[in-house]
Amino acid sequence: MPEHQSARDYIAARNAGNADAASRIVTEVTARYETRTTDGSELAELLNANLTIPLAQEG
């Protein structure tokens, strides 16, 4: 299980087929990374989830 809540939320959004929520989470985490509010581990968890969790079909 991912360490960061954002990664868990991202996985849940992908499993639900909610591309908008997944995209919003990536945007928020990227902004935190760019301002050094978070280290690279949070973004790395999102990348790993992106590569391993397929986006389900909505509905």
C-alpha atoms as a PDB file:
ATOM      1  CA  MET A   1       0.000   0.000   0.000  1.00  0.00           C
ATOM      2  CA  PRO A   2       1.362   3.444  -0.870  1.00  0.00           C
ATOM      3  CA  GLU A   3       2.669   5.629   1.924  1.00  0.00           C
ATOM      4  CA  HIS A   4       1.055   8.856   0.730  1.00  0.00           C
ATOM      5  CA  GLN A   5      -2.697   9.533   0.879  1.00  0.00           C
ATOM      6  CA  SER A   6      -2.505  11.237  -2.507  1.00  0.00           C
ATOM      7  CA  ALA A   7      -1.230   8.010  -4.093  1.00  0.00           C
ATOM      8  CA  ARG A   8      -3.992   5.984  -2.442  1.00  0.00           C
ATOM      9  CA  ASP A   9      -6.555   8.511  -3.721  1.00  0.00           C
ATOM     10  CA  TYR A  10      -4.981   8.392  -7.180  1.00  0.00           C
ATOM     11  CA  ILE A  11      -5.232   4.601  -7.277  1.00  0.00           C
ATOM     12  CA  ALA A  12      -8.860   4.778  -6.145  1.00  0.00           C
ATOM     13  CA  ALA A  13      -9.624   7.321  -8.876  1.00  0.00           C
ATOM     14  CA  ARG A  14      -7.980   5.145 -11.548  1.00  0.00           C
ATOM     15  CA  ASN A  15      -9.803   2.054 -10.306  1.00  0.00           C
ATOM     16  CA  ALA A  16     -13.080   3.989 -10.536  1.00  0.00           C
ATOM     17  CA  GLY A  17     -12.244   5.242 -14.040  1.00  0.00           C
ATOM     18  CA  ASN A  18     -12.256   8.841 -12.838  1.00  0.00           C
ATOM     19  CA  ALA A  19      -9.629  10.431 -15.089  1.00  0.00           C
ATOM     20  CA  ASP A  20     -10.538  13.960 -13.952  1.00  0.00           C
ATOM     21  CA  ALA A  21      -9.837  13.190 -10.291  1.00  0.00           C
ATOM     22  CA  ALA A  22      -6.623  11.347 -11.170  1.00  0.00           C
ATOM     23  CA  SER A  23      -5.441  14.301 -13.234  1.00  0.00           C
ATOM     24  CA  ARG A  24      -6.295  16.755 -10.450  1.00  0.00           C
ATOM     25  CA  ILE A  25      -4.275  14.718  -7.955  1.00  0.00           C
ATOM     26  CA  VAL A  26      -1.258  14.662 -10.279  1.00  0.00           C
ATOM     27  CA  THR A  27      -1.525  18.429 -10.759  1.00  0.00           C
ATOM     28  CA  GLU A  28      -1.674  19.039  -7.002  1.00  0.00           C
ATOM     29  CA  VAL A  29       1.253  16.743  -6.201  1.00  0.00           C
ATOM     30  CA  THR A  30       3.326  18.197  -9.039  1.00  0.00           C
ATOM     31  CA  ALA A  31       2.711  21.712  -7.701  1.00  0.00           C
ATOM     32  CA  ARG A  32       3.804  20.613  -4.219  1.00  0.00           C
ATOM     33  CA  TYR A  33       6.934  19.043  -5.671  1.00  0.00           C
ATOM     34  CA  GLU A  34       7.789  22.121  -7.738  1.00  0.00           C
ATOM     35  CA  THR A  35       7.551  24.343  -4.665  1.00  0.00           C
ATOM     36  CA  ARG A  36       9.514  21.777  -2.606  1.00  0.00           C
ATOM     37  CA  THR A  37       6.572  21.259  -0.250  1.00  0.00           C
ATOM     38  CA  THR A  38       7.072  17.523  -0.789  1.00  0.00           C
ATOM     39  CA  ASP A  39      10.031  15.395  -1.752  1.00  0.00           C
ATOM     40  CA  GLY A  40      10.086  13.203  -4.821  1.00  0.00           C
ATOM     41  CA  SER A  41       8.707  10.129  -3.045  1.00  0.00           C
ATOM     42  CA  GLU A  42       5.083  11.259  -3.374  1.00  0.00           C
ATOM     43  CA  LEU A  43       5.490  11.923  -7.085  1.00  0.00           C
ATOM     44  CA  ALA A  44       7.330   8.608  -7.509  1.00  0.00           C
ATOM     45  CA  GLU A  45       4.377   6.754  -5.959  1.00  0.00           C
ATOM     46  CA  LEU A  46       2.033   8.418  -8.459  1.00  0.00           C
ATOM     47  CA  LEU A  47       4.325   7.467 -11.345  1.00  0.00           C
ATOM     48  CA  ASN A  48       4.464   3.873 -10.162  1.00  0.00           C
ATOM     49  CA  ALA A  49       0.669   3.761  -9.846  1.00  0.00           C
ATOM     50  CA  ASN A  50       0.317   5.287 -13.303  1.00  0.00           C
ATOM     51  CA  LEU A  51       2.516   2.576 -14.772  1.00  0.00           C
ATOM     52  CA  THR A  52       0.891  -0.330 -12.938  1.00  0.00           C
ATOM     53  CA  ILE A  53      -2.803   0.545 -12.420  1.00  0.00           C
ATOM     54  CA  PRO A  54      -4.873   0.713 -15.610  1.00  0.00           C
ATOM     55  CA  LEU A  55      -7.573   3.341 -15.861  1.00  0.00           C
ATOM     56  CA  ALA A  56     -10.883   1.495 -15.505  1.00  0.00           C
ATOM     57  CA  GLN A  57     -13.858   2.320 -17.641  1.00  0.00           C
ATOM     58  CA  GLU A  58     -16.273   4.703 -15.920  1.00  0.00           C
ATOM     59  CA  GLY A  59     -19.719   3.376 -15.147  1.00  0.00           C
END
